[in-house]
Amino acid sequence: MLREVIDTLQVQTCRDRSVIALEPGTLLSRCRIVRSANIGAGLDSAVYVMAFAVSDRDYTCPLVRFLARTQTVEPAPAAEANPGR
């Protein structure tokens, strides 16, 4: 399931823990909720965080922030097998 950023979202990179802002319209994939092992450290000070990917780069942010600033993207309807019949 894909999600889309609807309001600027501050996230941490998983690689070097730097903080960046994702702009509205950014598509997110591989979204999953995880219990934070880094309680008290930076943006991941929340007990539960959302881990996700943008263009094959991995990020995290507090779950409560993620839910307030993203929405589910519905897949386009599948084309009919026999259009015109």
PDB file of N, CA and C in Angstrom:
ATOM      1  N   MET A   1       0.842  -1.179   0.000  1.00  0.00           N
ATOM      2  CA  MET A   1       0.000   0.000   0.000  1.00  0.00           C
ATOM      3  C   MET A   1       0.884   1.238   0.000  1.00  0.00           C
ATOM      4  N   LEU A   2       0.563   2.169  -0.860  1.00  0.00           N
ATOM      5  CA  LEU A   2       1.298   3.428  -0.923  1.00  0.00           C
ATOM      6  C   LEU A   2       0.607   4.478  -0.072  1.00  0.00           C
ATOM      7  N   ARG A   3       1.392   5.420   0.436  1.00  0.00           N
ATOM      8  CA  ARG A   3       0.857   6.583   1.141  1.00  0.00           C
ATOM      9  C   ARG A   3       1.476   7.814   0.504  1.00  0.00           C
ATOM     10  N   GLU A   4       0.798   8.932   0.656  1.00  0.00           N
ATOM     11  CA  GLU A   4       1.255  10.196   0.092  1.00  0.00           C
ATOM     12  C   GLU A   4       1.349  11.236   1.201  1.00  0.00           C
ATOM     13  N   VAL A   5       2.409  12.025   1.171  1.00  0.00           N
ATOM     14  CA  VAL A   5       2.568  13.109   2.128  1.00  0.00           C
ATOM     15  C   VAL A   5       1.577  14.214   1.758  1.00  0.00           C
ATOM     16  N   ILE A   6       0.788  14.693   2.745  1.00  0.00           N
ATOM     17  CA  ILE A   6      -0.175  15.768   2.494  1.00  0.00           C
ATOM     18  C   ILE A   6       0.203  17.065   3.205  1.00  0.00           C
ATOM     19  N   ASP A   7       1.180  17.022   4.099  1.00  0.00           N
ATOM     20  CA  ASP A   7       1.696  18.196   4.785  1.00  0.00           C
ATOM     21  C   ASP A   7       3.172  17.913   5.070  1.00  0.00           C
ATOM     22  N   THR A   8       4.013  18.925   5.033  1.00  0.00           N
ATOM     23  CA  THR A   8       5.450  18.727   5.215  1.00  0.00           C
ATOM     24  C   THR A   8       5.721  17.796   6.404  1.00  0.00           C
ATOM     25  N   LEU A   9       6.561  16.786   6.170  1.00  0.00           N
ATOM     26  CA  LEU A   9       6.815  15.733   7.149  1.00  0.00           C
ATOM     27  C   LEU A   9       8.312  15.654   7.452  1.00  0.00           C
ATOM     28  N   GLN A  10       8.692  15.912   8.720  1.00  0.00           N
ATOM     29  CA  GLN A  10      10.076  15.784   9.160  1.00  0.00           C
ATOM     30  C   GLN A  10      10.359  14.314   9.446  1.00  0.00           C
ATOM     31  N   VAL A  11      11.423  13.777   8.825  1.00  0.00           N
ATOM     32  CA  VAL A  11      11.779  12.363   8.970  1.00  0.00           C
ATOM     33  C   VAL A  11      13.279  12.227   9.200  1.00  0.00           C
ATOM     34  N   GLN A  12      13.678  11.047   9.680  1.00  0.00           N
ATOM     35  CA  GLN A  12      15.096  10.731   9.841  1.00  0.00           C
ATOM     36  C   GLN A  12      15.481   9.666   8.829  1.00  0.00           C
ATOM     37  N   THR A  13      16.685   9.828   8.258  1.00  0.00           N
ATOM     38  CA  THR A  13      17.201   8.786   7.385  1.00  0.00           C
ATOM     39  C   THR A  13      17.678   7.628   8.255  1.00  0.00           C
ATOM     40  N   CYS A  14      17.504   6.423   7.782  1.00  0.00           N
ATOM     41  CA  CYS A  14      17.966   5.254   8.546  1.00  0.00           C
ATOM     42  C   CYS A  14      19.481   5.092   8.442  1.00  0.00           C
ATOM     43  N   ARG A  15      20.048   5.584   7.369  1.00  0.00           N
ATOM     44  CA  ARG A  15      21.474   5.399   7.141  1.00  0.00           C
ATOM     45  C   ARG A  15      22.340   6.220   8.091  1.00  0.00           C
ATOM     46  N   ASP A  16      22.080   7.538   8.186  1.00  0.00           N
ATOM     47  CA  ASP A  16      22.953   8.370   9.023  1.00  0.00           C
ATOM     48  C   ASP A  16      22.198   9.213  10.055  1.00  0.00           C
ATOM     49  N   ARG A  17      20.894   8.956  10.192  1.00  0.00           N
ATOM     50  CA  ARG A  17      20.036   9.614  11.192  1.00  0.00           C
ATOM     51  C   ARG A  17      19.887  11.114  10.955  1.00  0.00           C
ATOM     52  N   SER A  18      20.212  11.613   9.752  1.00  0.00           N
ATOM     53  CA  SER A  18      20.014  13.035   9.479  1.00  0.00           C
ATOM     54  C   SER A  18      18.514  13.310   9.307  1.00  0.00           C
ATOM     55  N   VAL A  19      18.116  14.538   9.588  1.00  0.00           N
ATOM     56  CA  VAL A  19      16.712  14.928   9.516  1.00  0.00           C
ATOM     57  C   VAL A  19      16.477  15.690   8.216  1.00  0.00           C
ATOM     58  N   ILE A  20      15.425  15.289   7.497  1.00  0.00           N
ATOM     59  CA  ILE A  20      15.036  15.983   6.274  1.00  0.00           C
ATOM     60  C   ILE A  20      13.529  16.210   6.300  1.00  0.00           C
ATOM     61  N   ALA A  21      13.058  17.064   5.405  1.00  0.00           N
ATOM     62  CA  ALA A  21      11.625  17.327   5.274  1.00  0.00           C
ATOM     63  C   ALA A  21      11.139  16.770   3.946  1.00  0.00           C
ATOM     64  N   LEU A  22      10.074  15.976   3.998  1.00  0.00           N
ATOM     65  CA  LEU A  22       9.440  15.479   2.784  1.00  0.00           C
ATOM     66  C   LEU A  22       8.272  16.412   2.453  1.00  0.00           C
ATOM     67  N   GLU A  23       8.180  16.806   1.211  1.00  0.00           N
ATOM     68  CA  GLU A  23       7.164  17.758   0.780  1.00  0.00           C
ATOM     69  C   GLU A  23       5.861  17.063   0.381  1.00  0.00           C
ATOM     70  N   PRO A  24       4.746  17.781   0.439  1.00  0.00           N
ATOM     71  CA  PRO A  24       3.466  17.209  -0.003  1.00  0.00           C
ATOM     72  C   PRO A  24       3.579  16.658  -1.427  1.00  0.00           C
ATOM     73  N   GLY A  25       2.924  15.527  -1.638  1.00  0.00           N
ATOM     74  CA  GLY A  25       2.961  14.856  -2.935  1.00  0.00           C
ATOM     75  C   GLY A  25       3.978  13.727  -3.007  1.00  0.00           C
ATOM     76  N   THR A  26       4.898  13.649  -2.037  1.00  0.00           N
ATOM     77  CA  THR A  26       5.899  12.580  -2.012  1.00  0.00           C
ATOM     78  C   THR A  26       5.198  11.248  -1.745  1.00  0.00           C
ATOM     79  N   LEU A  27       5.507  10.228  -2.561  1.00  0.00           N
ATOM     80  CA  LEU A  27       4.919   8.896  -2.374  1.00  0.00           C
ATOM     81  C   LEU A  27       5.825   8.043  -1.493  1.00  0.00           C
ATOM     82  N   LEU A  28       5.206   7.338  -0.555  1.00  0.00           N
ATOM     83  CA  LEU A  28       5.911   6.495   0.412  1.00  0.00           C
ATOM     84  C   LEU A  28       5.525   5.037   0.204  1.00  0.00           C
ATOM     85  N   SER A  29       6.487   4.145   0.270  1.00  0.00           N
ATOM     86  CA  SER A  29       6.209   2.715   0.103  1.00  0.00           C
ATOM     87  C   SER A  29       6.800   1.931   1.269  1.00  0.00           C
ATOM     88  N   ARG A  30       6.492   0.644   1.318  1.00  0.00           N
ATOM     89  CA  ARG A  30       7.000  -0.273   2.351  1.00  0.00           C
ATOM     90  C   ARG A  30       6.741   0.248   3.769  1.00  0.00           C
ATOM     91  N   CYS A  31       5.577   0.846   3.991  1.00  0.00           N
ATOM     92  CA  CYS A  31       5.238   1.426   5.295  1.00  0.00           C
ATOM     93  C   CYS A  31       4.943   0.326   6.310  1.00  0.00           C
ATOM     94  N   ARG A  32       5.560   0.444   7.482  1.00  0.00           N
ATOM     95  CA  ARG A  32       5.319  -0.520   8.553  1.00  0.00           C
ATOM     96  C   ARG A  32       5.565   0.142   9.910  1.00  0.00           C
ATOM     97  N   ILE A  33       4.781  -0.254  10.894  1.00  0.00           N
ATOM     98  CA  ILE A  33       4.917   0.273  12.248  1.00  0.00           C
ATOM     99  C   ILE A  33       5.921  -0.593  13.006  1.00  0.00           C
ATOM    100  N   VAL A  34       6.845   0.065  13.689  1.00  0.00           N
ATOM    101  CA  VAL A  34       7.841  -0.662  14.491  1.00  0.00           C
ATOM    102  C   VAL A  34       7.964  -0.001  15.859  1.00  0.00           C
ATOM    103  N   ARG A  35       8.317  -0.793  16.839  1.00  0.00           N
ATOM    104  CA  ARG A  35       8.579  -0.261  18.181  1.00  0.00           C
ATOM    105  C   ARG A  35       9.994   0.292  18.169  1.00  0.00           C
ATOM    106  N   SER A  36      10.154   1.508  18.619  1.00  0.00           N
ATOM    107  CA  SER A  36      11.446   2.172  18.566  1.00  0.00           C
ATOM    108  C   SER A  36      12.416   1.572  19.581  1.00  0.00           C
ATOM    109  N   ALA A  37      13.624   1.301  19.128  1.00  0.00           N
ATOM    110  CA  ALA A  37      14.688   0.826  20.021  1.00  0.00           C
ATOM    111  C   ALA A  37      15.515   2.002  20.525  1.00  0.00           C
ATOM    112  N   ASN A  38      15.215   3.212  20.010  1.00  0.00           N
ATOM    113  CA  ASN A  38      16.022   4.392  20.328  1.00  0.00           C
ATOM    114  C   ASN A  38      15.212   5.418  21.115  1.00  0.00           C
ATOM    115  N   ILE A  39      14.453   4.978  22.095  1.00  0.00           N
ATOM    116  CA  ILE A  39      13.613   5.896  22.860  1.00  0.00           C
ATOM    117  C   ILE A  39      14.492   6.965  23.503  1.00  0.00           C
ATOM    118  N   GLY A  40      14.119   8.231  23.275  1.00  0.00           N
ATOM    119  CA  GLY A  40      14.877   9.345  23.828  1.00  0.00           C
ATOM    120  C   GLY A  40      15.938   9.892  22.893  1.00  0.00           C
ATOM    121  N   ALA A  41      16.008   9.425  21.648  1.00  0.00           N
ATOM    122  CA  ALA A  41      17.031   9.883  20.720  1.00  0.00           C
ATOM    123  C   ALA A  41      16.401  10.522  19.492  1.00  0.00           C
ATOM    124  N   GLY A  42      16.436  11.820  19.403  1.00  0.00           N
ATOM    125  CA  GLY A  42      15.990  12.544  18.213  1.00  0.00           C
ATOM    126  C   GLY A  42      14.517  12.354  17.890  1.00  0.00           C
ATOM    127  N   LEU A  43      14.217  12.315  16.585  1.00  0.00           N
ATOM    128  CA  LEU A  43      12.836  12.180  16.138  1.00  0.00           C
ATOM    129  C   LEU A  43      12.232  10.848  16.545  1.00  0.00           C
ATOM    130  N   ASP A  44      13.068   9.850  16.760  1.00  0.00           N
ATOM    131  CA  ASP A  44      12.573   8.521  17.119  1.00  0.00           C
ATOM    132  C   ASP A  44      12.345   8.375  18.613  1.00  0.00           C
ATOM    133  N   SER A  45      12.124   9.489  19.321  1.00  0.00           N
ATOM    134  CA  SER A  45      11.897   9.400  20.759  1.00  0.00           C
ATOM    135  C   SER A  45      10.517   8.832  21.069  1.00  0.00           C
ATOM    136  N   ALA A  46       9.669   8.690  20.054  1.00  0.00           N
ATOM    137  CA  ALA A  46       8.356   8.090  20.241  1.00  0.00           C
ATOM    138  C   ALA A  46       8.507   6.587  20.457  1.00  0.00           C
ATOM    139  N   VAL A  47       7.546   5.987  21.149  1.00  0.00           N
ATOM    140  CA  VAL A  47       7.588   4.546  21.392  1.00  0.00           C
ATOM    141  C   VAL A  47       7.377   3.788  20.088  1.00  0.00           C
ATOM    142  N   TYR A  48       6.445   4.258  19.246  1.00  0.00           N
ATOM    143  CA  TYR A  48       6.189   3.615  17.959  1.00  0.00           C
ATOM    144  C   TYR A  48       6.547   4.574  16.842  1.00  0.00           C
ATOM    145  N   VAL A  49       7.224   4.041  15.842  1.00  0.00           N
ATOM    146  CA  VAL A  49       7.605   4.833  14.679  1.00  0.00           C
ATOM    147  C   VAL A  49       7.122   4.137  13.419  1.00  0.00           C
ATOM    148  N   MET A  50       7.021   4.915  12.362  1.00  0.00           N
ATOM    149  CA  MET A  50       6.688   4.366  11.054  1.00  0.00           C
ATOM    150  C   MET A  50       7.995   4.287  10.276  1.00  0.00           C
ATOM    151  N   ALA A  51       8.286   3.129   9.760  1.00  0.00           N
ATOM    152  CA  ALA A  51       9.442   2.932   8.884  1.00  0.00           C
ATOM    153  C   ALA A  51       8.887   2.827   7.469  1.00  0.00           C
ATOM    154  N   PHE A  52       9.549   3.476   6.514  1.00  0.00           N
ATOM    155  CA  PHE A  52       9.035   3.490   5.142  1.00  0.00           C
ATOM    156  C   PHE A  52      10.159   3.840   4.178  1.00  0.00           C
ATOM    157  N   ALA A  53       9.858   3.793   2.902  1.00  0.00           N
ATOM    158  CA  ALA A  53      10.854   4.082   1.870  1.00  0.00           C
ATOM    159  C   ALA A  53      10.323   5.146   0.916  1.00  0.00           C
ATOM    160  N   VAL A  54      11.269   5.940   0.426  1.00  0.00           N
ATOM    161  CA  VAL A  54      11.007   6.898  -0.645  1.00  0.00           C
ATOM    162  C   VAL A  54      12.114   6.677  -1.667  1.00  0.00           C
ATOM    163  N   SER A  55      11.743   6.260  -2.862  1.00  0.00           N
ATOM    164  CA  SER A  55      12.745   5.996  -3.912  1.00  0.00           C
ATOM    165  C   SER A  55      13.871   5.099  -3.404  1.00  0.00           C
ATOM    166  N   ASP A  56      13.512   4.024  -2.747  1.00  0.00           N
ATOM    167  CA  ASP A  56      14.449   3.027  -2.230  1.00  0.00           C
ATOM    168  C   ASP A  56      15.392   3.534  -1.142  1.00  0.00           C
ATOM    169  N   ARG A  57      15.092   4.678  -0.542  1.00  0.00           N
ATOM    170  CA  ARG A  57      15.821   5.155   0.640  1.00  0.00           C
ATOM    171  C   ARG A  57      14.911   4.970   1.844  1.00  0.00           C
ATOM    172  N   ASP A  58      15.479   4.486   2.948  1.00  0.00           N
ATOM    173  CA  ASP A  58      14.684   4.165   4.135  1.00  0.00           C
ATOM    174  C   ASP A  58      14.686   5.320   5.138  1.00  0.00           C
ATOM    175  N   TYR A  59      13.484   5.553   5.714  1.00  0.00           N
ATOM    176  CA  TYR A  59      13.278   6.641   6.669  1.00  0.00           C
ATOM    177  C   TYR A  59      12.415   6.156   7.828  1.00  0.00           C
ATOM    178  N   THR A  60      12.426   6.936   8.911  1.00  0.00           N
ATOM    179  CA  THR A  60      11.513   6.712  10.031  1.00  0.00           C
ATOM    180  C   THR A  60      11.009   8.057  10.527  1.00  0.00           C
ATOM    181  N   CYS A  61       9.871   8.021  11.220  1.00  0.00           N
ATOM    182  CA  CYS A  61       9.362   9.188  11.934  1.00  0.00           C
ATOM    183  C   CYS A  61       8.342   8.689  12.947  1.00  0.00           C
ATOM    184  N   PRO A  62       8.046   9.496  13.977  1.00  0.00           N
ATOM    185  CA  PRO A  62       7.060   9.072  14.967  1.00  0.00           C
ATOM    186  C   PRO A  62       5.721   8.756  14.308  1.00  0.00           C
ATOM    187  N   LEU A  63       5.104   7.687  14.748  1.00  0.00           N
ATOM    188  CA  LEU A  63       3.836   7.233  14.159  1.00  0.00           C
ATOM    189  C   LEU A  63       2.778   8.327  14.190  1.00  0.00           C
ATOM    190  N   VAL A  64       2.636   9.014  15.310  1.00  0.00           N
ATOM    191  CA  VAL A  64       1.598  10.029  15.428  1.00  0.00           C
ATOM    192  C   VAL A  64       1.799  11.156  14.411  1.00  0.00           C
ATOM    193  N   ARG A  65       3.030  11.538  14.141  1.00  0.00           N
ATOM    194  CA  ARG A  65       3.318  12.564  13.134  1.00  0.00           C
ATOM    195  C   ARG A  65       3.026  12.028  11.730  1.00  0.00           C
ATOM    196  N   PHE A  66       3.409  10.788  11.479  1.00  0.00           N
ATOM    197  CA  PHE A  66       3.205  10.175  10.168  1.00  0.00           C
ATOM    198  C   PHE A  66       1.723  10.125   9.815  1.00  0.00           C
ATOM    199  N   LEU A  67       0.907   9.653  10.762  1.00  0.00           N
ATOM    200  CA  LEU A  67      -0.526   9.507  10.490  1.00  0.00           C
ATOM    201  C   LEU A  67      -1.208  10.841  10.220  1.00  0.00           C
ATOM    202  N   ALA A  68      -0.759  11.898  10.880  1.00  0.00           N
ATOM    203  CA  ALA A  68      -1.376  13.211  10.705  1.00  0.00           C
ATOM    204  C   ALA A  68      -0.975  13.893   9.397  1.00  0.00           C
ATOM    205  N   ARG A  69       0.116  13.470   8.785  1.00  0.00           N
ATOM    206  CA  ARG A  69       0.643  14.172   7.615  1.00  0.00           C
ATOM    207  C   ARG A  69       0.696  13.324   6.352  1.00  0.00           C
ATOM    208  N   THR A  70       0.061  12.162   6.371  1.00  0.00           N
ATOM    209  CA  THR A  70       0.014  11.305   5.175  1.00  0.00           C
ATOM    210  C   THR A  70      -1.395  10.771   4.966  1.00  0.00           C
ATOM    211  N   GLN A  71      -1.639  10.276   3.768  1.00  0.00           N
ATOM    212  CA  GLN A  71      -2.906   9.627   3.467  1.00  0.00           C
ATOM    213  C   GLN A  71      -2.656   8.435   2.550  1.00  0.00           C
ATOM    214  N   THR A  72      -3.578   7.494   2.596  1.00  0.00           N
ATOM    215  CA  THR A  72      -3.494   6.316   1.738  1.00  0.00           C
ATOM    216  C   THR A  72      -3.760   6.721   0.296  1.00  0.00           C
ATOM    217  N   VAL A  73      -3.015   6.133  -0.620  1.00  0.00           N
ATOM    218  CA  VAL A  73      -3.227   6.348  -2.047  1.00  0.00           C
ATOM    219  C   VAL A  73      -3.920   5.112  -2.582  1.00  0.00           C
ATOM    220  N   GLU A  74      -5.104   5.305  -3.129  1.00  0.00           N
ATOM    221  CA  GLU A  74      -5.851   4.186  -3.693  1.00  0.00           C
ATOM    222  C   GLU A  74      -5.269   3.818  -5.050  1.00  0.00           C
ATOM    223  N   PRO A  75      -5.083   2.529  -5.306  1.00  0.00           N
ATOM    224  CA  PRO A  75      -4.584   2.117  -6.621  1.00  0.00           C
ATOM    225  C   PRO A  75      -5.629   2.425  -7.691  1.00  0.00           C
ATOM    226  N   ALA A  76      -5.163   2.685  -8.893  1.00  0.00           N
ATOM    227  CA  ALA A  76      -6.074   2.939 -10.011  1.00  0.00           C
ATOM    228  C   ALA A  76      -6.879   1.680 -10.277  1.00  0.00           C
ATOM    229  N   PRO A  77      -8.164   1.821 -10.632  1.00  0.00           N
ATOM    230  CA  PRO A  77      -8.984   0.640 -10.912  1.00  0.00           C
ATOM    231  C   PRO A  77      -8.390  -0.166 -12.076  1.00  0.00           C
ATOM    232  N   ALA A  78      -8.459  -1.471 -11.939  1.00  0.00           N
ATOM    233  CA  ALA A  78      -7.945  -2.349 -13.000  1.00  0.00           C
ATOM    234  C   ALA A  78      -8.823  -2.216 -14.244  1.00  0.00           C
ATOM    235  N   ALA A  79      -8.197  -2.240 -15.383  1.00  0.00           N
ATOM    236  CA  ALA A  79      -8.957  -2.178 -16.634  1.00  0.00           C
ATOM    237  C   ALA A  79      -9.762  -3.465 -16.792  1.00  0.00           C
ATOM    238  N   GLU A  80     -10.913  -3.333 -17.408  1.00  0.00           N
ATOM    239  CA  GLU A  80     -11.739  -4.519 -17.626  1.00  0.00           C
ATOM    240  C   GLU A  80     -11.031  -5.472 -18.559  1.00  0.00           C
ATOM    241  N   ALA A  81     -11.265  -6.766 -18.374  1.00  0.00           N
ATOM    242  CA  ALA A  81     -10.624  -7.790 -19.215  1.00  0.00           C
ATOM    243  C   ALA A  81     -11.051  -7.669 -20.661  1.00  0.00           C
ATOM    244  N   ASN A  82     -12.314  -7.369 -20.898  1.00  0.00           N
ATOM    245  CA  ASN A  82     -12.855  -7.253 -22.259  1.00  0.00           C
ATOM    246  C   ASN A  82     -13.600  -5.926 -22.413  1.00  0.00           C
ATOM    247  N   PRO A  83     -12.893  -4.827 -22.558  1.00  0.00           N
ATOM    248  CA  PRO A  83     -13.594  -3.547 -22.687  1.00  0.00           C
ATOM    249  C   PRO A  83     -14.424  -3.510 -23.967  1.00  0.00           C
ATOM    250  N   GLY A  84     -15.555  -2.850 -23.886  1.00  0.00           N
ATOM    251  CA  GLY A  84     -16.412  -2.720 -25.059  1.00  0.00           C
ATOM    252  C   GLY A  84     -17.409  -3.846 -25.224  1.00  0.00           C
ATOM    253  N   ARG A  85     -17.424  -4.835 -24.358  1.00  0.00           N
ATOM    254  CA  ARG A  85     -18.392  -5.926 -24.484  1.00  0.00           C
ATOM    255  C   ARG A  85     -19.517  -5.736 -23.533  1.00  0.00           C
TER     256      ARG A  85
END
